[in-house]
């Protein structure tokens, strides 16, 4: 295989890898957005339950059931904790992919720049 063919093959592989990482970045960004929304909803729910003076209801498997305020706050707290852990995990994954995207972009620029006019 000639050097030119090898460079073309390397470039095609790098472009495919770069596009895949960009798709993964978009998916992670969407997931982060959804988790942030979920966190905001949980914070609002916590405020509402904290200020409630009457009965409190939660959904369990699609069914609404009455519960006491302390249990509802405990449930919200554990959901918030889980959401925060997931946000941290997805953020780390996103940052790792962002670094990989930059590395692949730099390699592509270098490879394509070294080809010169054909």
PDB file of N, CA and C in Angstrom:
ATOM      1  N   UNK A   1       0.851  -1.175   0.000  1.00  0.00           N
ATOM      2  CA  UNK A   1       0.000   0.000   0.000  1.00  0.00           C
ATOM      3  C   UNK A   1       0.897   1.238   0.000  1.00  0.00           C
ATOM      4  N   UNK A   2       0.576   2.168  -0.848  1.00  0.00           N
ATOM      5  CA  UNK A   2       1.384   3.377  -0.945  1.00  0.00           C
ATOM      6  C   UNK A   2       1.127   4.281   0.251  1.00  0.00           C
ATOM      7  N   UNK A   3       2.038   5.224   0.461  1.00  0.00           N
ATOM      8  CA  UNK A   3       1.903   6.175   1.567  1.00  0.00           C
ATOM      9  C   UNK A   3       0.641   7.010   1.401  1.00  0.00           C
ATOM     10  N   UNK A   4       0.316   7.375   0.161  1.00  0.00           N
ATOM     11  CA  UNK A   4      -0.877   8.184  -0.116  1.00  0.00           C
ATOM     12  C   UNK A   4      -2.138   7.420   0.289  1.00  0.00           C
ATOM     13  N   UNK A   5      -2.211   6.133  -0.099  1.00  0.00           N
ATOM     14  CA  UNK A   5      -3.369   5.318   0.269  1.00  0.00           C
ATOM     15  C   UNK A   5      -3.469   5.149   1.776  1.00  0.00           C
ATOM     16  N   UNK A   6      -2.330   4.983   2.440  1.00  0.00           N
ATOM     17  CA  UNK A   6      -2.303   4.846   3.901  1.00  0.00           C
ATOM     18  C   UNK A   6      -2.814   6.127   4.551  1.00  0.00           C
ATOM     19  N   UNK A   7      -2.374   7.277   4.058  1.00  0.00           N
ATOM     20  CA  UNK A   7      -2.834   8.557   4.602  1.00  0.00           C
ATOM     21  C   UNK A   7      -4.335   8.730   4.407  1.00  0.00           C
ATOM     22  N   UNK A   8      -4.846   8.341   3.230  1.00  0.00           N
ATOM     23  CA  UNK A   8      -6.286   8.436   2.969  1.00  0.00           C
ATOM     24  C   UNK A   8      -7.063   7.539   3.927  1.00  0.00           C
ATOM     25  N   UNK A   9      -6.559   6.325   4.121  1.00  0.00           N
ATOM     26  CA  UNK A   9      -7.214   5.378   5.029  1.00  0.00           C
ATOM     27  C   UNK A   9      -7.200   5.914   6.464  1.00  0.00           C
ATOM     28  N   UNK A  10      -6.065   6.464   6.892  1.00  0.00           N
ATOM     29  CA  UNK A  10      -5.955   7.044   8.232  1.00  0.00           C
ATOM     30  C   UNK A  10      -6.920   8.212   8.384  1.00  0.00           C
ATOM     31  N   UNK A  11      -6.985   9.058   7.381  1.00  0.00           N
ATOM     32  CA  UNK A  11      -7.869  10.222   7.425  1.00  0.00           C
ATOM     33  C   UNK A  11      -9.329   9.786   7.510  1.00  0.00           C
ATOM     34  N   UNK A  12      -9.714   8.796   6.720  1.00  0.00           N
ATOM     35  CA  UNK A  12     -11.098   8.304   6.746  1.00  0.00           C
ATOM     36  C   UNK A  12     -11.454   7.742   8.119  1.00  0.00           C
ATOM     37  N   UNK A  13     -10.530   6.989   8.701  1.00  0.00           N
ATOM     38  CA  UNK A  13     -10.759   6.418  10.025  1.00  0.00           C
ATOM     39  C   UNK A  13     -10.876   7.520  11.075  1.00  0.00           C
ATOM     40  N   UNK A  14      -9.998   8.520  10.991  1.00  0.00           N
ATOM     41  CA  UNK A  14     -10.038   9.634  11.943  1.00  0.00           C
ATOM     42  C   UNK A  14     -11.331  10.430  11.806  1.00  0.00           C
ATOM     43  N   UNK A  15     -11.769  10.654  10.571  1.00  0.00           N
ATOM     44  CA  UNK A  15     -13.019  11.387  10.350  1.00  0.00           C
ATOM     45  C   UNK A  15     -14.185  10.606  10.953  1.00  0.00           C
ATOM     46  N   UNK A  16     -14.216   9.303  10.733  1.00  0.00           N
ATOM     47  CA  UNK A  16     -15.290   8.465  11.286  1.00  0.00           C
ATOM     48  C   UNK A  16     -15.264   8.508  12.817  1.00  0.00           C
ATOM     49  N   UNK A  17     -14.074   8.397  13.403  1.00  0.00           N
ATOM     50  CA  UNK A  17     -13.941   8.462  14.866  1.00  0.00           C
ATOM     51  C   UNK A  17     -14.383   9.826  15.386  1.00  0.00           C
ATOM     52  N   UNK A  18     -13.983  10.878  14.692  1.00  0.00           N
ATOM     53  CA  UNK A  18     -14.331  12.241  15.084  1.00  0.00           C
ATOM     54  C   UNK A  18     -15.849  12.442  15.053  1.00  0.00           C
ATOM     55  N   UNK A  19     -16.488  11.959  13.998  1.00  0.00           N
ATOM     56  CA  UNK A  19     -17.943  12.085  13.884  1.00  0.00           C
ATOM     57  C   UNK A  19     -18.652  11.301  14.986  1.00  0.00           C
ATOM     58  N   UNK A  20     -18.153  10.123  15.306  1.00  0.00           N
ATOM     59  CA  UNK A  20     -18.734   9.308  16.368  1.00  0.00           C
ATOM     60  C   UNK A  20     -18.630  10.033  17.715  1.00  0.00           C
ATOM     61  N   UNK A  21     -17.481  10.612  17.987  1.00  0.00           N
ATOM     62  CA  UNK A  21     -17.291  11.337  19.249  1.00  0.00           C
ATOM     63  C   UNK A  21     -18.230  12.542  19.300  1.00  0.00           C
ATOM     64  N   UNK A  22     -18.409  13.223  18.177  1.00  0.00           N
ATOM     65  CA  UNK A  22     -19.323  14.368  18.152  1.00  0.00           C
ATOM     66  C   UNK A  22     -20.759  13.926  18.434  1.00  0.00           C
ATOM     67  N   UNK A  23     -21.170  12.784  17.891  1.00  0.00           N
ATOM     68  CA  UNK A  23     -22.508  12.258  18.178  1.00  0.00           C
ATOM     69  C   UNK A  23     -22.645  11.928  19.668  1.00  0.00           C
ATOM     70  N   UNK A  24     -21.616  11.325  20.229  1.00  0.00           N
ATOM     71  CA  UNK A  24     -21.633  10.988  21.650  1.00  0.00           C
ATOM     72  C   UNK A  24     -21.677  12.248  22.511  1.00  0.00           C
ATOM     73  N   UNK A  25     -20.973  13.287  22.085  1.00  0.00           N
ATOM     74  CA  UNK A  25     -21.003  14.561  22.807  1.00  0.00           C
ATOM     75  C   UNK A  25     -22.407  15.159  22.798  1.00  0.00           C
ATOM     76  N   UNK A  26     -23.063  15.120  21.639  1.00  0.00           N
ATOM     77  CA  UNK A  26     -24.428  15.642  21.554  1.00  0.00           C
ATOM     78  C   UNK A  26     -25.367  14.862  22.468  1.00  0.00           C
ATOM     79  N   UNK A  27     -25.227  13.538  22.477  1.00  0.00           N
ATOM     80  CA  UNK A  27     -26.076  12.702  23.334  1.00  0.00           C
ATOM     81  C   UNK A  27     -25.817  13.004  24.817  1.00  0.00           C
ATOM     82  N   UNK A  28     -24.556  13.164  25.181  1.00  0.00           N
ATOM     83  CA  UNK A  28     -24.218  13.473  26.571  1.00  0.00           C
ATOM     84  C   UNK A  28     -24.735  14.854  26.967  1.00  0.00           C
ATOM     85  N   UNK A  29     -24.637  15.809  26.068  1.00  0.00           N
ATOM     86  CA  UNK A  29     -25.135  17.160  26.358  1.00  0.00           C
ATOM     87  C   UNK A  29     -26.646  17.123  26.583  1.00  0.00           C
ATOM     88  N   UNK A  30     -27.345  16.352  25.781  1.00  0.00           N
ATOM     89  CA  UNK A  30     -28.792  16.216  25.943  1.00  0.00           C
ATOM     90  C   UNK A  30     -29.113  15.545  27.276  1.00  0.00           C
ATOM     91  N   UNK A  31     -28.375  14.510  27.607  1.00  0.00           N
ATOM     92  CA  UNK A  31     -28.585  13.806  28.871  1.00  0.00           C
ATOM     93  C   UNK A  31     -28.320  14.746  30.058  1.00  0.00           C
ATOM     94  N   UNK A  32     -27.271  15.554  29.954  1.00  0.00           N
ATOM     95  CA  UNK A  32     -26.975  16.515  31.021  1.00  0.00           C
ATOM     96  C   UNK A  32     -28.109  17.521  31.178  1.00  0.00           C
ATOM     97  N   UNK A  33     -28.626  17.984  30.066  1.00  0.00           N
ATOM     98  CA  UNK A  33     -29.737  18.934  30.094  1.00  0.00           C
ATOM     99  C   UNK A  33     -30.953  18.319  30.787  1.00  0.00           C
ATOM    100  N   UNK A  34     -31.248  17.066  30.467  1.00  0.00           N
ATOM    101  CA  UNK A  34     -32.383  16.373  31.083  1.00  0.00           C
ATOM    102  C   UNK A  34     -32.159  16.189  32.581  1.00  0.00           C
ATOM    103  N   UNK A  35     -30.953  15.833  32.964  1.00  0.00           N
ATOM    104  CA  UNK A  35     -30.646  15.648  34.390  1.00  0.00           C
ATOM    105  C   UNK A  35     -30.727  16.969  35.149  1.00  0.00           C
ATOM    106  N   UNK A  36     -30.271  18.052  34.530  1.00  0.00           N
ATOM    107  CA  UNK A  36     -30.375  19.370  35.176  1.00  0.00           C
ATOM    108  C   UNK A  36     -31.844  19.753  35.364  1.00  0.00           C
ATOM    109  N   UNK A  37     -32.676  19.451  34.364  1.00  0.00           N
ATOM    110  CA  UNK A  37     -34.119  19.717  34.489  1.00  0.00           C
ATOM    111  C   UNK A  37     -34.716  18.898  35.624  1.00  0.00           C
ATOM    112  N   UNK A  38     -34.318  17.646  35.693  1.00  0.00           N
ATOM    113  CA  UNK A  38     -34.814  16.759  36.748  1.00  0.00           C
ATOM    114  C   UNK A  38     -34.398  17.305  38.119  1.00  0.00           C
ATOM    115  N   UNK A  39     -33.172  17.767  38.226  1.00  0.00           N
ATOM    116  CA  UNK A  39     -32.672  18.325  39.488  1.00  0.00           C
ATOM    117  C   UNK A  39     -33.497  19.554  39.881  1.00  0.00           C
ATOM    118  N   UNK A  40     -33.771  20.414  38.903  1.00  0.00           N
ATOM    119  CA  UNK A  40     -34.570  21.621  39.165  1.00  0.00           C
ATOM    120  C   UNK A  40     -35.974  21.250  39.634  1.00  0.00           C
ATOM    121  N   UNK A  41     -36.579  20.258  38.982  1.00  0.00           N
ATOM    122  CA  UNK A  41     -37.912  19.794  39.391  1.00  0.00           C
ATOM    123  C   UNK A  41     -37.892  19.256  40.814  1.00  0.00           C
ATOM    124  N   UNK A  42     -36.868  18.499  41.149  1.00  0.00           N
ATOM    125  CA  UNK A  42     -36.759  17.948  42.499  1.00  0.00           C
ATOM    126  C   UNK A  42     -36.571  19.050  43.535  1.00  0.00           C
ATOM    127  N   UNK A  43     -35.806  20.082  43.183  1.00  0.00           N
ATOM    128  CA  UNK A  43     -35.625  21.201  44.108  1.00  0.00           C
ATOM    129  C   UNK A  43     -36.960  21.914  44.361  1.00  0.00           C
ATOM    130  N   UNK A  44     -37.748  22.089  43.284  1.00  0.00           N
ATOM    131  CA  UNK A  44     -39.065  22.711  43.449  1.00  0.00           C
ATOM    132  C   UNK A  44     -39.985  21.831  44.290  1.00  0.00           C
ATOM    133  N   UNK A  45     -39.927  20.526  44.053  1.00  0.00           N
ATOM    134  CA  UNK A  45     -40.753  19.597  44.825  1.00  0.00           C
ATOM    135  C   UNK A  45     -40.377  19.654  46.302  1.00  0.00           C
ATOM    136  N   UNK A  46     -39.087  19.734  46.578  1.00  0.00           N
ATOM    137  CA  UNK A  46     -38.619  19.813  47.967  1.00  0.00           C
ATOM    138  C   UNK A  46     -39.161  21.080  48.639  1.00  0.00           C
ATOM    139  N   UNK A  47     -39.111  22.194  47.914  1.00  0.00           N
ATOM    140  CA  UNK A  47     -39.643  23.456  48.458  1.00  0.00           C
ATOM    141  C   UNK A  47     -41.137  23.330  48.751  1.00  0.00           C
ATOM    142  N   UNK A  48     -41.864  22.737  47.810  1.00  0.00           N
ATOM    143  CA  UNK A  48     -43.315  22.597  47.985  1.00  0.00           C
ATOM    144  C   UNK A  48     -43.648  21.698  49.171  1.00  0.00           C
ATOM    145  N   UNK A  49     -42.968  20.570  49.257  1.00  0.00           N
ATOM    146  CA  UNK A  49     -43.242  19.631  50.350  1.00  0.00           C
ATOM    147  C   UNK A  49     -42.829  20.241  51.687  1.00  0.00           C
ATOM    148  N   UNK A  50     -41.699  20.923  51.695  1.00  0.00           N
ATOM    149  CA  UNK A  50     -41.241  21.561  52.937  1.00  0.00           C
ATOM    150  C   UNK A  50     -42.256  22.571  53.451  1.00  0.00           C
ATOM    151  N   UNK A  51     -42.910  23.276  52.540  1.00  0.00           N
ATOM    152  CA  UNK A  51     -43.884  24.278  52.938  1.00  0.00           C
ATOM    153  C   UNK A  51     -45.292  23.748  53.114  1.00  0.00           C
ATOM    154  N   UNK A  52     -45.499  22.474  52.829  1.00  0.00           N
ATOM    155  CA  UNK A  52     -46.843  21.889  52.917  1.00  0.00           C
ATOM    156  C   UNK A  52     -47.267  21.717  54.367  1.00  0.00           C
ATOM    157  N   UNK A  53     -48.549  21.989  54.610  1.00  0.00           N
ATOM    158  CA  UNK A  53     -49.048  21.802  55.965  1.00  0.00           C
ATOM    159  C   UNK A  53     -50.131  20.726  56.002  1.00  0.00           C
ATOM    160  N   UNK A  54     -50.625  20.342  54.839  1.00  0.00           N
ATOM    161  CA  UNK A  54     -51.672  19.325  54.786  1.00  0.00           C
ATOM    162  C   UNK A  54     -51.108  17.974  54.383  1.00  0.00           C
ATOM    163  N   UNK A  55     -51.918  17.212  53.689  1.00  0.00           N
ATOM    164  CA  UNK A  55     -51.511  15.886  53.237  1.00  0.00           C
ATOM    165  C   UNK A  55     -50.472  16.000  52.118  1.00  0.00           C
ATOM    166  N   UNK A  56     -49.613  14.992  52.023  1.00  0.00           N
ATOM    167  CA  UNK A  56     -48.588  14.943  50.994  1.00  0.00           C
ATOM    168  C   UNK A  56     -48.765  13.634  50.225  1.00  0.00           C
ATOM    169  N   UNK A  57     -48.648  13.723  48.902  1.00  0.00           N
ATOM    170  CA  UNK A  57     -48.815  12.552  48.050  1.00  0.00           C
ATOM    171  C   UNK A  57     -47.572  12.379  47.182  1.00  0.00           C
ATOM    172  N   UNK A  58     -47.240  11.122  46.914  1.00  0.00           N
ATOM    173  CA  UNK A  58     -46.141  10.813  46.003  1.00  0.00           C
ATOM    174  C   UNK A  58     -46.642   9.792  44.986  1.00  0.00           C
ATOM    175  N   UNK A  59     -45.924   9.687  43.874  1.00  0.00           N
ATOM    176  CA  UNK A  59     -46.278   8.662  42.891  1.00  0.00           C
ATOM    177  C   UNK A  59     -45.353   7.471  43.073  1.00  0.00           C
ATOM    178  N   UNK A  60     -45.966   6.316  43.074  1.00  0.00           N
ATOM    179  CA  UNK A  60     -45.226   5.065  43.196  1.00  0.00           C
ATOM    180  C   UNK A  60     -45.719   4.152  42.084  1.00  0.00           C
ATOM    181  N   UNK A  61     -44.853   3.916  41.105  1.00  0.00           N
ATOM    182  CA  UNK A  61     -45.233   3.027  40.005  1.00  0.00           C
ATOM    183  C   UNK A  61     -46.489   3.466  39.277  1.00  0.00           C
ATOM    184  N   UNK A  62     -46.654   4.768  39.096  1.00  0.00           N
ATOM    185  CA  UNK A  62     -47.814   5.276  38.373  1.00  0.00           C
ATOM    186  C   UNK A  62     -49.055   5.444  39.226  1.00  0.00           C
ATOM    187  N   UNK A  63     -48.957   5.141  40.527  1.00  0.00           N
ATOM    188  CA  UNK A  63     -50.096   5.286  41.441  1.00  0.00           C
ATOM    189  C   UNK A  63     -49.754   6.384  42.442  1.00  0.00           C
ATOM    190  N   UNK A  64     -50.710   7.244  42.718  1.00  0.00           N
ATOM    191  CA  UNK A  64     -50.501   8.312  43.694  1.00  0.00           C
ATOM    192  C   UNK A  64     -50.945   7.799  45.062  1.00  0.00           C
ATOM    193  N   UNK A  65     -50.017   7.904  46.036  1.00  0.00           N
ATOM    194  CA  UNK A  65     -50.330   7.434  47.389  1.00  0.00           C
ATOM    195  C   UNK A  65     -50.020   8.529  48.406  1.00  0.00           C
ATOM    196  N   UNK A  66     -50.758   8.502  49.497  1.00  0.00           N
ATOM    197  CA  UNK A  66     -50.532   9.472  50.563  1.00  0.00           C
ATOM    198  C   UNK A  66     -49.333   9.013  51.391  1.00  0.00           C
ATOM    199  N   UNK A  67     -48.543   9.981  51.828  1.00  0.00           N
ATOM    200  CA  UNK A  67     -47.394   9.675  52.674  1.00  0.00           C
ATOM    201  C   UNK A  67     -47.204  10.827  53.649  1.00  0.00           C
ATOM    202  N   UNK A  68     -46.308  10.641  54.612  1.00  0.00           N
ATOM    203  CA  UNK A  68     -46.067  11.767  55.505  1.00  0.00           C
ATOM    204  C   UNK A  68     -44.948  12.636  54.940  1.00  0.00           C
ATOM    205  N   UNK A  69     -44.895  13.843  55.442  1.00  0.00           N
ATOM    206  CA  UNK A  69     -43.977  14.855  54.934  1.00  0.00           C
ATOM    207  C   UNK A  69     -42.516  14.389  55.024  1.00  0.00           C
ATOM    208  N   UNK A  70     -42.139  13.772  56.133  1.00  0.00           N
ATOM    209  CA  UNK A  70     -40.754  13.329  56.336  1.00  0.00           C
ATOM    210  C   UNK A  70     -40.346  12.287  55.301  1.00  0.00           C
ATOM    211  N   UNK A  71     -41.243  11.334  55.040  1.00  0.00           N
ATOM    212  CA  UNK A  71     -40.934  10.297  54.046  1.00  0.00           C
ATOM    213  C   UNK A  71     -40.830  10.899  52.651  1.00  0.00           C
ATOM    214  N   UNK A  72     -41.701  11.846  52.343  1.00  0.00           N
ATOM    215  CA  UNK A  72     -41.659  12.494  51.032  1.00  0.00           C
ATOM    216  C   UNK A  72     -40.342  13.258  50.869  1.00  0.00           C
ATOM    217  N   UNK A  73     -39.934  13.980  51.901  1.00  0.00           N
ATOM    218  CA  UNK A  73     -38.675  14.721  51.836  1.00  0.00           C
ATOM    219  C   UNK A  73     -37.477  13.780  51.722  1.00  0.00           C
ATOM    220  N   UNK A  74     -37.552  12.654  52.420  1.00  0.00           N
ATOM    221  CA  UNK A  74     -36.481  11.656  52.338  1.00  0.00           C
ATOM    222  C   UNK A  74     -36.380  11.094  50.920  1.00  0.00           C
ATOM    223  N   UNK A  75     -37.541  10.799  50.320  1.00  0.00           N
ATOM    224  CA  UNK A  75     -37.584  10.285  48.951  1.00  0.00           C
ATOM    225  C   UNK A  75     -37.007  11.311  47.971  1.00  0.00           C
ATOM    226  N   UNK A  76     -37.414  12.558  48.125  1.00  0.00           N
ATOM    227  CA  UNK A  76     -36.905  13.616  47.253  1.00  0.00           C
ATOM    228  C   UNK A  76     -35.398  13.769  47.431  1.00  0.00           C
ATOM    229  N   UNK A  77     -34.942  13.718  48.675  1.00  0.00           N
ATOM    230  CA  UNK A  77     -33.508  13.835  48.968  1.00  0.00           C
ATOM    231  C   UNK A  77     -32.696  12.734  48.315  1.00  0.00           C
ATOM    232  N   UNK A  78     -33.192  11.505  48.383  1.00  0.00           N
ATOM    233  CA  UNK A  78     -32.437  10.403  47.768  1.00  0.00           C
ATOM    234  C   UNK A  78     -32.462  10.501  46.240  1.00  0.00           C
ATOM    235  N   UNK A  79     -33.567  10.970  45.685  1.00  0.00           N
ATOM    236  CA  UNK A  79     -33.633  11.179  44.229  1.00  0.00           C
ATOM    237  C   UNK A  79     -32.668  12.284  43.798  1.00  0.00           C
ATOM    238  N   UNK A  80     -32.594  13.344  44.604  1.00  0.00           N
ATOM    239  CA  UNK A  80     -31.673  14.441  44.291  1.00  0.00           C
ATOM    240  C   UNK A  80     -30.222  13.965  44.351  1.00  0.00           C
ATOM    241  N   UNK A  81     -29.925  13.156  45.347  1.00  0.00           N
ATOM    242  CA  UNK A  81     -28.570  12.625  45.495  1.00  0.00           C
ATOM    243  C   UNK A  81     -28.199  11.761  44.287  1.00  0.00           C
ATOM    244  N   UNK A  82     -29.111  10.886  43.889  1.00  0.00           N
ATOM    245  CA  UNK A  82     -28.865  10.033  42.724  1.00  0.00           C
ATOM    246  C   UNK A  82     -28.697  10.874  41.460  1.00  0.00           C
ATOM    247  N   UNK A  83     -29.530  11.889  41.309  1.00  0.00           N
ATOM    248  CA  UNK A  83     -29.438  12.769  40.140  1.00  0.00           C
ATOM    249  C   UNK A  83     -28.098  13.488  40.127  1.00  0.00           C
ATOM    250  N   UNK A  84     -27.648  13.952  41.285  1.00  0.00           N
ATOM    251  CA  UNK A  84     -26.368  14.655  41.357  1.00  0.00           C
ATOM    252  C   UNK A  84     -25.209  13.725  40.996  1.00  0.00           C
ATOM    253  N   UNK A  85     -25.269  12.475  41.440  1.00  0.00           N
ATOM    254  CA  UNK A  85     -24.231  11.495  41.100  1.00  0.00           C
ATOM    255  C   UNK A  85     -24.218  11.265  39.587  1.00  0.00           C
ATOM    256  N   UNK A  86     -25.404  11.135  39.007  1.00  0.00           N
ATOM    257  CA  UNK A  86     -25.499  10.930  37.561  1.00  0.00           C
ATOM    258  C   UNK A  86     -24.987  12.146  36.793  1.00  0.00           C
ATOM    259  N   UNK A  87     -25.294  13.345  37.285  1.00  0.00           N
ATOM    260  CA  UNK A  87     -24.787  14.564  36.643  1.00  0.00           C
ATOM    261  C   UNK A  87     -23.258  14.560  36.662  1.00  0.00           C
ATOM    262  N   UNK A  88     -22.686  14.198  37.797  1.00  0.00           N
ATOM    263  CA  UNK A  88     -21.226  14.133  37.909  1.00  0.00           C
ATOM    264  C   UNK A  88     -20.624  13.126  36.947  1.00  0.00           C
ATOM    265  N   UNK A  89     -21.247  11.978  36.848  1.00  0.00           N
ATOM    266  CA  UNK A  89     -20.762  10.919  35.966  1.00  0.00           C
ATOM    267  C   UNK A  89     -20.848  11.332  34.494  1.00  0.00           C
ATOM    268  N   UNK A  90     -21.985  11.884  34.105  1.00  0.00           N
ATOM    269  CA  UNK A  90     -22.167  12.291  32.704  1.00  0.00           C
ATOM    270  C   UNK A  90     -21.254  13.471  32.378  1.00  0.00           C
ATOM    271  N   UNK A  91     -21.049  14.376  33.335  1.00  0.00           N
ATOM    272  CA  UNK A  91     -20.148  15.511  33.114  1.00  0.00           C
ATOM    273  C   UNK A  91     -18.725  15.025  32.880  1.00  0.00           C
ATOM    274  N   UNK A  92     -18.286  14.054  33.681  1.00  0.00           N
ATOM    275  CA  UNK A  92     -16.941  13.486  33.496  1.00  0.00           C
ATOM    276  C   UNK A  92     -16.827  12.822  32.128  1.00  0.00           C
ATOM    277  N   UNK A  93     -17.838  12.050  31.773  1.00  0.00           N
ATOM    278  CA  UNK A  93     -17.865  11.379  30.466  1.00  0.00           C
ATOM    279  C   UNK A  93     -17.814  12.430  29.349  1.00  0.00           C
ATOM    280  N   UNK A  94     -18.588  13.499  29.483  1.00  0.00           N
ATOM    281  CA  UNK A  94     -18.625  14.562  28.486  1.00  0.00           C
ATOM    282  C   UNK A  94     -17.244  15.214  28.353  1.00  0.00           C
ATOM    283  N   UNK A  95     -16.625  15.525  29.481  1.00  0.00           N
ATOM    284  CA  UNK A  95     -15.302  16.164  29.454  1.00  0.00           C
ATOM    285  C   UNK A  95     -14.249  15.251  28.834  1.00  0.00           C
ATOM    286  N   UNK A  96     -14.313  13.958  29.122  1.00  0.00           N
ATOM    287  CA  UNK A  96     -13.386  12.996  28.516  1.00  0.00           C
ATOM    288  C   UNK A  96     -13.574  12.957  27.004  1.00  0.00           C
ATOM    289  N   UNK A  97     -14.837  12.948  26.568  1.00  0.00           N
ATOM    290  CA  UNK A  97     -15.106  12.920  25.126  1.00  0.00           C
ATOM    291  C   UNK A  97     -14.687  14.223  24.460  1.00  0.00           C
ATOM    292  N   UNK A  98     -14.841  15.335  25.168  1.00  0.00           N
ATOM    293  CA  UNK A  98     -14.435  16.632  24.626  1.00  0.00           C
ATOM    294  C   UNK A  98     -12.926  16.635  24.387  1.00  0.00           C
ATOM    295  N   UNK A  99     -12.176  16.069  25.330  1.00  0.00           N
ATOM    296  CA  UNK A  99     -10.719  15.975  25.180  1.00  0.00           C
ATOM    297  C   UNK A  99     -10.366  15.063  24.002  1.00  0.00           C
ATOM    298  N   UNK A 100     -11.099  13.962  23.869  1.00  0.00           N
ATOM    299  CA  UNK A 100     -10.859  13.040  22.753  1.00  0.00           C
ATOM    300  C   UNK A 100     -11.180  13.723  21.427  1.00  0.00           C
ATOM    301  N   UNK A 101     -12.258  14.513  21.405  1.00  0.00           N
ATOM    302  CA  UNK A 101     -12.626  15.232  20.184  1.00  0.00           C
ATOM    303  C   UNK A 101     -11.500  16.190  19.781  1.00  0.00           C
ATOM    304  N   UNK A 102     -10.940  16.889  20.748  1.00  0.00           N
ATOM    305  CA  UNK A 102      -9.864  17.827  20.456  1.00  0.00           C
ATOM    306  C   UNK A 102      -8.640  17.086  19.924  1.00  0.00           C
ATOM    307  N   UNK A 103      -8.302  15.965  20.553  1.00  0.00           N
ATOM    308  CA  UNK A 103      -7.160  15.171  20.115  1.00  0.00           C
ATOM    309  C   UNK A 103      -7.356  14.686  18.678  1.00  0.00           C
ATOM    310  N   UNK A 104      -8.545  14.150  18.393  1.00  0.00           N
ATOM    311  CA  UNK A 104      -8.823  13.675  17.035  1.00  0.00           C
ATOM    312  C   UNK A 104      -8.816  14.833  16.030  1.00  0.00           C
ATOM    313  N   UNK A 105      -9.366  15.969  16.431  1.00  0.00           N
ATOM    314  CA  UNK A 105      -9.364  17.143  15.553  1.00  0.00           C
ATOM    315  C   UNK A 105      -7.948  17.595  15.243  1.00  0.00           C
ATOM    316  N   UNK A 106      -7.088  17.599  16.264  1.00  0.00           N
ATOM    317  CA  UNK A 106      -5.685  17.982  16.061  1.00  0.00           C
ATOM    318  C   UNK A 106      -4.979  16.999  15.126  1.00  0.00           C
ATOM    319  N   UNK A 107      -5.243  15.711  15.312  1.00  0.00           N
ATOM    320  CA  UNK A 107      -4.628  14.689  14.443  1.00  0.00           C
ATOM    321  C   UNK A 107      -5.093  14.857  13.000  1.00  0.00           C
ATOM    322  N   UNK A 108      -6.393  15.110  12.835  1.00  0.00           N
ATOM    323  CA  UNK A 108      -6.928  15.320  11.490  1.00  0.00           C
ATOM    324  C   UNK A 108      -6.291  16.531  10.832  1.00  0.00           C
ATOM    325  N   UNK A 109      -6.204  17.620  11.566  1.00  0.00           N
ATOM    326  CA  UNK A 109      -5.599  18.842  11.024  1.00  0.00           C
ATOM    327  C   UNK A 109      -4.158  18.578  10.620  1.00  0.00           C
ATOM    328  N   UNK A 110      -3.437  17.853  11.468  1.00  0.00           N
ATOM    329  CA  UNK A 110      -2.051  17.524  11.183  1.00  0.00           C
ATOM    330  C   UNK A 110      -1.938  16.631   9.952  1.00  0.00           C
ATOM    331  N   UNK A 111      -2.764  15.605   9.895  1.00  0.00           N
ATOM    332  CA  UNK A 111      -2.715  14.658   8.782  1.00  0.00           C
ATOM    333  C   UNK A 111      -3.103  15.336   7.471  1.00  0.00           C
ATOM    334  N   UNK A 112      -4.169  16.087   7.495  1.00  0.00           N
ATOM    335  CA  UNK A 112      -4.626  16.740   6.281  1.00  0.00           C
ATOM    336  C   UNK A 112      -3.696  17.886   5.889  1.00  0.00           C
ATOM    337  N   UNK A 113      -3.112  18.524   6.871  1.00  0.00           N
ATOM    338  CA  UNK A 113      -2.161  19.594   6.582  1.00  0.00           C
ATOM    339  C   UNK A 113      -0.880  19.076   5.977  1.00  0.00           C
ATOM    340  N   UNK A 114      -0.497  17.846   6.359  1.00  0.00           N
ATOM    341  CA  UNK A 114       0.757  17.278   5.846  1.00  0.00           C
ATOM    342  C   UNK A 114       0.595  16.758   4.414  1.00  0.00           C
ATOM    343  N   UNK A 115      -0.660  16.566   3.987  1.00  0.00           N
ATOM    344  CA  UNK A 115      -0.895  16.082   2.621  1.00  0.00           C
ATOM    345  C   UNK A 115      -0.516  17.123   1.591  1.00  0.00           C
ATOM    346  N   UNK A 116      -0.831  18.388   1.929  1.00  0.00           N
ATOM    347  CA  UNK A 116      -0.554  19.459   0.987  1.00  0.00           C
ATOM    348  C   UNK A 116      -1.415  19.333  -0.238  1.00  0.00           C
ATOM    349  N   UNK A 117      -1.225  20.194  -1.221  1.00  0.00           N
ATOM    350  CA  UNK A 117      -2.034  20.104  -2.441  1.00  0.00           C
ATOM    351  C   UNK A 117      -1.716  18.817  -3.182  1.00  0.00           C
ATOM    352  N   UNK A 118      -2.780  18.167  -3.594  1.00  0.00           N
ATOM    353  CA  UNK A 118      -2.600  16.866  -4.228  1.00  0.00           C
ATOM    354  C   UNK A 118      -2.450  17.003  -5.655  1.00  0.00           C
TER     355      UNK A 118
END
